[in-house]
Amino acid sequence: MDFWQVLPVAVALVFIIEGVLPFISPHRWRNMLAMADQMNDRVIRNIGLGSMLVGLLLLYLVH
């Protein structure tokens, strides 16, 4: 498959996965955003880094 065919599918899957929690439990999602607002920037960066590393690991294992 070509990169330009896979990219829109990957972006669509991100939107679907990101939309699950606000759809299922808007109250919990709102609380999570309020907690994120209270977090230190360093903690948020570490969470982002961890998320990227898990994604890279999954890509490596699948590919």
PDB file of N, CA and C in Angstrom:
ATOM      1  N   MET A   1       0.835  -1.197   0.000  1.00  0.00           N
ATOM      2  CA  MET A   1       0.000   0.000   0.000  1.00  0.00           C
ATOM      3  C   MET A   1       0.869   1.247   0.000  1.00  0.00           C
ATOM      4  N   ASP A   2       0.373   2.246  -0.617  1.00  0.00           N
ATOM      5  CA  ASP A   2       1.046   3.528  -0.720  1.00  0.00           C
ATOM      6  C   ASP A   2       0.818   4.352   0.546  1.00  0.00           C
ATOM      7  N   PHE A   3       1.809   5.170   0.905  1.00  0.00           N
ATOM      8  CA  PHE A   3       1.716   6.019   2.102  1.00  0.00           C
ATOM      9  C   PHE A   3       0.472   6.892   2.065  1.00  0.00           C
ATOM     10  N   TRP A   4       0.161   7.442   0.905  1.00  0.00           N
ATOM     11  CA  TRP A   4      -0.968   8.371   0.801  1.00  0.00           C
ATOM     12  C   TRP A   4      -2.312   7.666   0.881  1.00  0.00           C
ATOM     13  N   GLN A   5      -2.313   6.350   0.760  1.00  0.00           N
ATOM     14  CA  GLN A   5      -3.542   5.583   0.975  1.00  0.00           C
ATOM     15  C   GLN A   5      -3.701   5.224   2.456  1.00  0.00           C
ATOM     16  N   VAL A   6      -2.589   4.983   3.121  1.00  0.00           N
ATOM     17  CA  VAL A   6      -2.623   4.567   4.523  1.00  0.00           C
ATOM     18  C   VAL A   6      -2.834   5.757   5.456  1.00  0.00           C
ATOM     19  N   LEU A   7      -2.266   6.898   5.125  1.00  0.00           N
ATOM     20  CA  LEU A   7      -2.353   8.074   6.000  1.00  0.00           C
ATOM     21  C   LEU A   7      -3.790   8.470   6.328  1.00  0.00           C
ATOM     22  N   PRO A   8      -4.692   8.613   5.351  1.00  0.00           N
ATOM     23  CA  PRO A   8      -6.071   8.977   5.719  1.00  0.00           C
ATOM     24  C   PRO A   8      -6.751   7.925   6.594  1.00  0.00           C
ATOM     25  N   VAL A   9      -6.431   6.666   6.384  1.00  0.00           N
ATOM     26  CA  VAL A   9      -7.014   5.606   7.212  1.00  0.00           C
ATOM     27  C   VAL A   9      -6.510   5.742   8.647  1.00  0.00           C
ATOM     28  N   ALA A  10      -5.213   6.005   8.803  1.00  0.00           N
ATOM     29  CA  ALA A  10      -4.645   6.177  10.149  1.00  0.00           C
ATOM     30  C   ALA A  10      -5.256   7.381  10.846  1.00  0.00           C
ATOM     31  N   VAL A  11      -5.396   8.482  10.133  1.00  0.00           N
ATOM     32  CA  VAL A  11      -5.992   9.693  10.722  1.00  0.00           C
ATOM     33  C   VAL A  11      -7.447   9.430  11.106  1.00  0.00           C
ATOM     34  N   ALA A  12      -8.175   8.727  10.252  1.00  0.00           N
ATOM     35  CA  ALA A  12      -9.575   8.398  10.561  1.00  0.00           C
ATOM     36  C   ALA A  12      -9.664   7.537  11.815  1.00  0.00           C
ATOM     37  N   LEU A  13      -8.758   6.565  11.959  1.00  0.00           N
ATOM     38  CA  LEU A  13      -8.763   5.725  13.154  1.00  0.00           C
ATOM     39  C   LEU A  13      -8.451   6.530  14.410  1.00  0.00           C
ATOM     40  N   VAL A  14      -7.564   7.500  14.306  1.00  0.00           N
ATOM     41  CA  VAL A  14      -7.262   8.365  15.452  1.00  0.00           C
ATOM     42  C   VAL A  14      -8.519   9.123  15.866  1.00  0.00           C
ATOM     43  N   PHE A  15      -9.235   9.678  14.890  1.00  0.00           N
ATOM     44  CA  PHE A  15     -10.467  10.409  15.211  1.00  0.00           C
ATOM     45  C   PHE A  15     -11.501   9.494  15.859  1.00  0.00           C
ATOM     46  N   ILE A  16     -11.625   8.267  15.359  1.00  0.00           N
ATOM     47  CA  ILE A  16     -12.591   7.328  15.929  1.00  0.00           C
ATOM     48  C   ILE A  16     -12.222   6.996  17.370  1.00  0.00           C
ATOM     49  N   ILE A  17     -10.952   6.659  17.591  1.00  0.00           N
ATOM     50  CA  ILE A  17     -10.511   6.280  18.940  1.00  0.00           C
ATOM     51  C   ILE A  17     -10.628   7.455  19.902  1.00  0.00           C
ATOM     52  N   GLU A  18     -10.257   8.644  19.446  1.00  0.00           N
ATOM     53  CA  GLU A  18     -10.346   9.829  20.304  1.00  0.00           C
ATOM     54  C   GLU A  18     -11.800  10.190  20.623  1.00  0.00           C
ATOM     55  N   GLY A  19     -12.722   9.818  19.773  1.00  0.00           N
ATOM     56  CA  GLY A  19     -14.123  10.171  19.987  1.00  0.00           C
ATOM     57  C   GLY A  19     -14.891   9.198  20.859  1.00  0.00           C
ATOM     58  N   VAL A  20     -14.297   8.056  21.175  1.00  0.00           N
ATOM     59  CA  VAL A  20     -15.019   7.038  21.937  1.00  0.00           C
ATOM     60  C   VAL A  20     -15.357   7.528  23.343  1.00  0.00           C
ATOM     61  N   LEU A  21     -14.389   8.042  24.083  1.00  0.00           N
ATOM     62  CA  LEU A  21     -14.648   8.451  25.468  1.00  0.00           C
ATOM     63  C   LEU A  21     -15.661   9.594  25.573  1.00  0.00           C
ATOM     64  N   PRO A  22     -15.532  10.677  24.790  1.00  0.00           N
ATOM     65  CA  PRO A  22     -16.563  11.721  24.902  1.00  0.00           C
ATOM     66  C   PRO A  22     -17.952  11.226  24.499  1.00  0.00           C
ATOM     67  N   PHE A  23     -18.022  10.249  23.599  1.00  0.00           N
ATOM     68  CA  PHE A  23     -19.322   9.715  23.199  1.00  0.00           C
ATOM     69  C   PHE A  23     -19.931   8.851  24.299  1.00  0.00           C
ATOM     70  N   ILE A  24     -19.100   7.985  24.886  1.00  0.00           N
ATOM     71  CA  ILE A  24     -19.605   7.049  25.893  1.00  0.00           C
ATOM     72  C   ILE A  24     -19.877   7.745  27.225  1.00  0.00           C
ATOM     73  N   SER A  25     -18.949   8.617  27.641  1.00  0.00           N
ATOM     74  CA  SER A  25     -19.072   9.237  28.963  1.00  0.00           C
ATOM     75  C   SER A  25     -18.600  10.693  28.914  1.00  0.00           C
ATOM     76  N   PRO A  26     -19.465  11.603  28.485  1.00  0.00           N
ATOM     77  CA  PRO A  26     -19.056  13.005  28.392  1.00  0.00           C
ATOM     78  C   PRO A  26     -18.640  13.597  29.736  1.00  0.00           C
ATOM     79  N   HIS A  27     -19.292  13.173  30.815  1.00  0.00           N
ATOM     80  CA  HIS A  27     -18.954  13.705  32.140  1.00  0.00           C
ATOM     81  C   HIS A  27     -17.538  13.314  32.536  1.00  0.00           C
ATOM     82  N   ARG A  28     -17.187  12.048  32.324  1.00  0.00           N
ATOM     83  CA  ARG A  28     -15.842  11.584  32.653  1.00  0.00           C
ATOM     84  C   ARG A  28     -14.795  12.284  31.788  1.00  0.00           C
ATOM     85  N   TRP A  29     -15.123  12.495  30.514  1.00  0.00           N
ATOM     86  CA  TRP A  29     -14.211  13.180  29.590  1.00  0.00           C
ATOM     87  C   TRP A  29     -13.966  14.612  30.061  1.00  0.00           C
ATOM     88  N   ARG A  30     -15.028  15.278  30.471  1.00  0.00           N
ATOM     89  CA  ARG A  30     -14.916  16.649  30.979  1.00  0.00           C
ATOM     90  C   ARG A  30     -14.052  16.699  32.238  1.00  0.00           C
ATOM     91  N   ASN A  31     -14.247  15.719  33.140  1.00  0.00           N
ATOM     92  CA  ASN A  31     -13.421  15.639  34.344  1.00  0.00           C
ATOM     93  C   ASN A  31     -11.955  15.399  34.001  1.00  0.00           C
ATOM     94  N   MET A  32     -11.708  14.561  33.009  1.00  0.00           N
ATOM     95  CA  MET A  32     -10.339  14.281  32.587  1.00  0.00           C
ATOM     96  C   MET A  32      -9.674  15.546  32.045  1.00  0.00           C
ATOM     97  N   LEU A  33     -10.415  16.335  31.277  1.00  0.00           N
ATOM     98  CA  LEU A  33      -9.863  17.592  30.764  1.00  0.00           C
ATOM     99  C   LEU A  33      -9.571  18.573  31.899  1.00  0.00           C
ATOM    100  N   ALA A  34     -10.438  18.600  32.898  1.00  0.00           N
ATOM    101  CA  ALA A  34     -10.202  19.474  34.048  1.00  0.00           C
ATOM    102  C   ALA A  34      -8.956  19.035  34.803  1.00  0.00           C
ATOM    103  N   MET A  35      -8.745  17.724  34.926  1.00  0.00           N
ATOM    104  CA  MET A  35      -7.534  17.221  35.584  1.00  0.00           C
ATOM    105  C   MET A  35      -6.293  17.574  34.769  1.00  0.00           C
ATOM    106  N   ALA A  36      -6.394  17.473  33.454  1.00  0.00           N
ATOM    107  CA  ALA A  36      -5.255  17.806  32.590  1.00  0.00           C
ATOM    108  C   ALA A  36      -4.918  19.286  32.707  1.00  0.00           C
ATOM    109  N   ASP A  37      -5.933  20.112  32.911  1.00  0.00           N
ATOM    110  CA  ASP A  37      -5.706  21.551  33.077  1.00  0.00           C
ATOM    111  C   ASP A  37      -4.906  21.839  34.341  1.00  0.00           C
ATOM    112  N   GLN A  38      -5.044  20.995  35.342  1.00  0.00           N
ATOM    113  CA  GLN A  38      -4.363  21.179  36.618  1.00  0.00           C
ATOM    114  C   GLN A  38      -2.931  20.618  36.613  1.00  0.00           C
ATOM    115  N   MET A  39      -2.612  19.785  35.600  1.00  0.00           N
ATOM    116  CA  MET A  39      -1.309  19.109  35.570  1.00  0.00           C
ATOM    117  C   MET A  39      -0.187  20.067  35.164  1.00  0.00           C
ATOM    118  N   ASN A  40       0.987  19.742  35.650  1.00  0.00           N
ATOM    119  CA  ASN A  40       2.200  20.457  35.284  1.00  0.00           C
ATOM    120  C   ASN A  40       2.542  20.125  33.820  1.00  0.00           C
ATOM    121  N   ASP A  41       3.152  21.079  33.104  1.00  0.00           N
ATOM    122  CA  ASP A  41       3.523  20.848  31.712  1.00  0.00           C
ATOM    123  C   ASP A  41       4.451  19.648  31.554  1.00  0.00           C
ATOM    124  N   ARG A  42       5.334  19.459  32.516  1.00  0.00           N
ATOM    125  CA  ARG A  42       6.285  18.346  32.447  1.00  0.00           C
ATOM    126  C   ARG A  42       5.558  17.003  32.483  1.00  0.00           C
ATOM    127  N   VAL A  43       4.540  16.897  33.301  1.00  0.00           N
ATOM    128  CA  VAL A  43       3.762  15.654  33.390  1.00  0.00           C
ATOM    129  C   VAL A  43       3.055  15.393  32.065  1.00  0.00           C
ATOM    130  N   ILE A  44       2.474  16.421  31.488  1.00  0.00           N
ATOM    131  CA  ILE A  44       1.774  16.269  30.210  1.00  0.00           C
ATOM    132  C   ILE A  44       2.755  15.859  29.116  1.00  0.00           C
ATOM    133  N   ARG A  45       3.947  16.455  29.122  1.00  0.00           N
ATOM    134  CA  ARG A  45       4.961  16.073  28.127  1.00  0.00           C
ATOM    135  C   ARG A  45       5.373  14.616  28.303  1.00  0.00           C
ATOM    136  N   ASN A  46       5.538  14.182  29.550  1.00  0.00           N
ATOM    137  CA  ASN A  46       5.913  12.793  29.805  1.00  0.00           C
ATOM    138  C   ASN A  46       4.818  11.829  29.346  1.00  0.00           C
ATOM    139  N   ILE A  47       3.579  12.191  29.550  1.00  0.00           N
ATOM    140  CA  ILE A  47       2.466  11.362  29.076  1.00  0.00           C
ATOM    141  C   ILE A  47       2.485  11.304  27.547  1.00  0.00           C
ATOM    142  N   GLY A  48       2.699  12.432  26.905  1.00  0.00           N
ATOM    143  CA  GLY A  48       2.793  12.459  25.442  1.00  0.00           C
ATOM    144  C   GLY A  48       3.940  11.621  24.927  1.00  0.00           C
ATOM    145  N   LEU A  49       5.093  11.717  25.577  1.00  0.00           N
ATOM    146  CA  LEU A  49       6.252  10.915  25.183  1.00  0.00           C
ATOM    147  C   LEU A  49       5.955   9.426  25.347  1.00  0.00           C
ATOM    148  N   GLY A  50       5.353   9.074  26.468  1.00  0.00           N
ATOM    149  CA  GLY A  50       5.002   7.671  26.690  1.00  0.00           C
ATOM    150  C   GLY A  50       4.034   7.163  25.635  1.00  0.00           C
ATOM    151  N   SER A  51       3.066   7.977  25.285  1.00  0.00           N
ATOM    152  CA  SER A  51       2.094   7.608  24.266  1.00  0.00           C
ATOM    153  C   SER A  51       2.772   7.407  22.911  1.00  0.00           C
ATOM    154  N   MET A  52       3.684   8.307  22.556  1.00  0.00           N
ATOM    155  CA  MET A  52       4.401   8.165  21.282  1.00  0.00           C
ATOM    156  C   MET A  52       5.260   6.905  21.275  1.00  0.00           C
ATOM    157  N   LEU A  53       5.926   6.613  22.397  1.00  0.00           N
ATOM    158  CA  LEU A  53       6.775   5.424  22.461  1.00  0.00           C
ATOM    159  C   LEU A  53       5.947   4.144  22.357  1.00  0.00           C
ATOM    160  N   VAL A  54       4.791   4.107  23.001  1.00  0.00           N
ATOM    161  CA  VAL A  54       3.907   2.945  22.890  1.00  0.00           C
ATOM    162  C   VAL A  54       3.441   2.794  21.439  1.00  0.00           C
ATOM    163  N   GLY A  55       3.104   3.905  20.797  1.00  0.00           N
ATOM    164  CA  GLY A  55       2.708   3.857  19.393  1.00  0.00           C
ATOM    165  C   GLY A  55       3.818   3.335  18.497  1.00  0.00           C
ATOM    166  N   LEU A  56       5.046   3.801  18.727  1.00  0.00           N
ATOM    167  CA  LEU A  56       6.178   3.306  17.942  1.00  0.00           C
ATOM    168  C   LEU A  56       6.401   1.814  18.172  1.00  0.00           C
ATOM    169  N   LEU A  57       6.269   1.379  19.420  1.00  0.00           N
ATOM    170  CA  LEU A  57       6.433  -0.035  19.724  1.00  0.00           C
ATOM    171  C   LEU A  57       5.363  -0.875  19.019  1.00  0.00           C
ATOM    172  N   LEU A  58       4.126  -0.406  19.049  1.00  0.00           N
ATOM    173  CA  LEU A  58       3.050  -1.116  18.363  1.00  0.00           C
ATOM    174  C   LEU A  58       3.292  -1.185  16.864  1.00  0.00           C
ATOM    175  N   LEU A  59       3.742  -0.061  16.273  1.00  0.00           N
ATOM    176  CA  LEU A  59       4.058  -0.066  14.845  1.00  0.00           C
ATOM    177  C   LEU A  59       5.163  -1.057  14.531  1.00  0.00           C
ATOM    178  N   TYR A  60       6.183  -1.093  15.386  1.00  0.00           N
ATOM    179  CA  TYR A  60       7.285  -2.023  15.178  1.00  0.00           C
ATOM    180  C   TYR A  60       6.801  -3.475  15.256  1.00  0.00           C
ATOM    181  N   LEU A  61       5.950  -3.776  16.240  1.00  0.00           N
ATOM    182  CA  LEU A  61       5.470  -5.143  16.407  1.00  0.00           C
ATOM    183  C   LEU A  61       4.532  -5.567  15.276  1.00  0.00           C
ATOM    184  N   VAL A  62       3.719  -4.639  14.787  1.00  0.00           N
ATOM    185  CA  VAL A  62       2.762  -4.963  13.729  1.00  0.00           C
ATOM    186  C   VAL A  62       3.447  -5.045  12.368  1.00  0.00           C
ATOM    187  N   HIS A  63       4.381  -4.166  12.160  1.00  0.00           N
ATOM    188  CA  HIS A  63       5.042  -4.107  10.853  1.00  0.00           C
ATOM    189  C   HIS A  63       6.191  -5.044  10.878  1.00  0.00           C
TER     190      HIS A  63
END
